[in-house]
Amino acid sequence: MDPDLILEQQYDAVIDLLKQYYDGLYRCDVSLLKKVFHPRAQYFTASDGEGMTSTRCRVL
């Protein structure tokens, strides 16, 4: 298989995941976010200068 085609397919797959992630955030759509995150993923954010972490199970 053509290496350029493989790279293009991988790039398209990443772009699709990013679109699902941002759509999920924008719409507060838990089902979309569950498709994007690995079951053991951790979500990190900062608020008022303090770090906060949560596992996917608690967030979603």
N, C-alpha and C. Protein backbone atom coordinates (compact mmCIF):
# COMPACT_ATOMS: atom_id res chain seq x y z
N MET A 1 0.84 -1.19 0.00
CA MET A 1 0.00 0.00 0.00
C MET A 1 0.88 1.25 0.00
N ASP A 2 0.43 2.27 -0.62
CA ASP A 2 1.15 3.53 -0.77
C ASP A 2 1.30 4.22 0.59
N PRO A 3 2.54 4.50 1.02
CA PRO A 3 2.76 5.17 2.31
C PRO A 3 2.04 6.51 2.44
N ASP A 4 1.96 7.25 1.33
CA ASP A 4 1.26 8.54 1.39
C ASP A 4 -0.23 8.36 1.65
N LEU A 5 -0.80 7.30 1.08
CA LEU A 5 -2.21 7.02 1.29
C LEU A 5 -2.46 6.61 2.75
N ILE A 6 -1.56 5.81 3.30
CA ILE A 6 -1.69 5.40 4.71
C ILE A 6 -1.62 6.63 5.61
N LEU A 7 -0.67 7.50 5.35
CA LEU A 7 -0.53 8.72 6.15
C LEU A 7 -1.78 9.59 6.05
N GLU A 8 -2.33 9.71 4.85
CA GLU A 8 -3.54 10.50 4.66
C GLU A 8 -4.72 9.90 5.42
N GLN A 9 -4.84 8.58 5.41
CA GLN A 9 -5.92 7.91 6.13
C GLN A 9 -5.78 8.11 7.64
N GLN A 10 -4.55 8.01 8.14
CA GLN A 10 -4.31 8.23 9.56
C GLN A 10 -4.62 9.67 9.95
N TYR A 11 -4.22 10.61 9.12
CA TYR A 11 -4.50 12.02 9.36
C TYR A 11 -6.01 12.25 9.41
N ASP A 12 -6.73 11.69 8.44
CA ASP A 12 -8.19 11.84 8.40
C ASP A 12 -8.85 11.25 9.65
N ALA A 13 -8.31 10.13 10.14
CA ALA A 13 -8.86 9.50 11.34
C ALA A 13 -8.68 10.40 12.56
N VAL A 14 -7.52 11.04 12.66
CA VAL A 14 -7.26 11.96 13.78
C VAL A 14 -8.18 13.17 13.69
N ILE A 15 -8.33 13.72 12.51
CA ILE A 15 -9.21 14.88 12.31
C ILE A 15 -10.65 14.52 12.69
N ASP A 16 -11.10 13.33 12.32
CA ASP A 16 -12.45 12.88 12.66
C ASP A 16 -12.63 12.79 14.18
N LEU A 17 -11.62 12.25 14.88
CA LEU A 17 -11.70 12.17 16.35
C LEU A 17 -11.74 13.56 16.98
N LEU A 18 -10.95 14.47 16.46
CA LEU A 18 -10.96 15.84 17.00
C LEU A 18 -12.31 16.50 16.78
N LYS A 19 -12.91 16.28 15.62
CA LYS A 19 -14.24 16.84 15.36
C LYS A 19 -15.26 16.28 16.34
N GLN A 20 -15.20 14.96 16.59
CA GLN A 20 -16.12 14.36 17.55
C GLN A 20 -15.91 14.93 18.95
N TYR A 21 -14.65 15.12 19.33
CA TYR A 21 -14.32 15.67 20.65
C TYR A 21 -14.91 17.08 20.80
N TYR A 22 -14.64 17.95 19.84
CA TYR A 22 -15.14 19.32 19.95
C TYR A 22 -16.66 19.39 19.83
N ASP A 23 -17.25 18.55 18.99
CA ASP A 23 -18.71 18.49 18.92
C ASP A 23 -19.29 18.02 20.25
N GLY A 24 -18.66 17.03 20.84
CA GLY A 24 -19.11 16.52 22.14
C GLY A 24 -19.04 17.58 23.22
N LEU A 25 -17.95 18.35 23.24
CA LEU A 25 -17.82 19.43 24.22
C LEU A 25 -18.86 20.51 23.97
N TYR A 26 -19.00 20.92 22.73
CA TYR A 26 -19.91 22.01 22.38
C TYR A 26 -21.36 21.65 22.71
N ARG A 27 -21.73 20.41 22.42
CA ARG A 27 -23.11 19.97 22.63
C ARG A 27 -23.35 19.31 23.98
N CYS A 28 -22.28 19.19 24.77
CA CYS A 28 -22.37 18.45 26.04
C CYS A 28 -22.93 17.06 25.80
N ASP A 29 -22.44 16.42 24.73
CA ASP A 29 -22.92 15.11 24.31
C ASP A 29 -21.99 14.03 24.84
N VAL A 30 -22.42 13.39 25.91
CA VAL A 30 -21.59 12.38 26.57
C VAL A 30 -21.33 11.19 25.65
N SER A 31 -22.30 10.82 24.84
CA SER A 31 -22.09 9.66 23.96
C SER A 31 -20.98 9.92 22.95
N LEU A 32 -20.86 11.13 22.45
CA LEU A 32 -19.76 11.46 21.54
C LEU A 32 -18.42 11.44 22.26
N LEU A 33 -18.38 11.99 23.46
CA LEU A 33 -17.13 12.03 24.21
C LEU A 33 -16.67 10.62 24.60
N LYS A 34 -17.60 9.74 24.91
CA LYS A 34 -17.23 8.36 25.25
C LYS A 34 -16.57 7.65 24.07
N LYS A 35 -16.94 8.01 22.86
CA LYS A 35 -16.33 7.40 21.67
C LYS A 35 -14.89 7.84 21.49
N VAL A 36 -14.56 9.03 21.97
CA VAL A 36 -13.24 9.61 21.74
C VAL A 36 -12.25 9.20 22.82
N PHE A 37 -12.68 9.14 24.06
CA PHE A 37 -11.78 8.88 25.18
C PHE A 37 -11.58 7.39 25.41
N HIS A 38 -10.36 7.01 25.72
CA HIS A 38 -10.04 5.66 26.16
C HIS A 38 -10.69 5.46 27.52
N PRO A 39 -11.18 4.25 27.83
CA PRO A 39 -11.84 4.01 29.12
C PRO A 39 -11.01 4.38 30.35
N ARG A 40 -9.69 4.32 30.24
CA ARG A 40 -8.84 4.65 31.39
C ARG A 40 -8.22 6.04 31.28
N ALA A 41 -8.69 6.84 30.34
CA ALA A 41 -8.15 8.18 30.15
C ALA A 41 -8.45 9.06 31.35
N GLN A 42 -7.58 10.03 31.57
CA GLN A 42 -7.80 11.02 32.61
C GLN A 42 -7.90 12.39 31.96
N TYR A 43 -8.80 13.20 32.47
CA TYR A 43 -9.03 14.53 31.93
C TYR A 43 -8.47 15.53 32.92
N PHE A 44 -7.58 16.40 32.47
CA PHE A 44 -6.96 17.40 33.33
C PHE A 44 -7.44 18.78 32.93
N THR A 45 -7.66 19.62 33.91
CA THR A 45 -8.05 21.00 33.66
C THR A 45 -7.51 21.86 34.80
N ALA A 46 -7.51 23.14 34.59
CA ALA A 46 -7.06 24.07 35.63
C ALA A 46 -8.14 25.13 35.82
N SER A 47 -8.37 25.47 37.07
CA SER A 47 -9.36 26.49 37.39
C SER A 47 -8.83 27.32 38.53
N ASP A 48 -8.83 28.62 38.37
CA ASP A 48 -8.33 29.54 39.40
C ASP A 48 -6.90 29.19 39.82
N GLY A 49 -6.10 28.72 38.86
CA GLY A 49 -4.71 28.43 39.15
C GLY A 49 -4.47 27.11 39.83
N GLU A 50 -5.51 26.36 40.14
CA GLU A 50 -5.34 25.06 40.78
C GLU A 50 -5.66 23.96 39.79
N GLY A 51 -4.83 22.93 39.77
CA GLY A 51 -5.06 21.81 38.87
C GLY A 51 -6.16 20.91 39.38
N MET A 52 -6.86 20.29 38.48
CA MET A 52 -7.90 19.36 38.85
C MET A 52 -7.81 18.18 37.87
N THR A 53 -8.00 16.98 38.34
CA THR A 53 -7.99 15.82 37.46
C THR A 53 -9.22 14.97 37.76
N SER A 54 -9.67 14.28 36.76
CA SER A 54 -10.80 13.39 36.93
C SER A 54 -10.69 12.27 35.93
N THR A 55 -11.09 11.07 36.31
CA THR A 55 -11.09 9.98 35.35
C THR A 55 -12.33 10.09 34.50
N ARG A 56 -12.33 9.44 33.37
CA ARG A 56 -13.46 9.49 32.45
C ARG A 56 -14.73 9.01 33.13
N CYS A 57 -14.63 7.99 33.93
CA CYS A 57 -15.83 7.43 34.57
C CYS A 57 -16.54 8.48 35.42
N ARG A 58 -15.80 9.31 36.10
CA ARG A 58 -16.42 10.32 36.94
C ARG A 58 -16.94 11.50 36.11
N VAL A 59 -16.26 11.81 35.03
CA VAL A 59 -16.66 12.94 34.20
C VAL A 59 -17.82 12.55 33.30
N LEU A 60 -17.71 11.38 32.68
CA LEU A 60 -18.71 10.95 31.72
C LEU A 60 -19.63 9.94 32.38
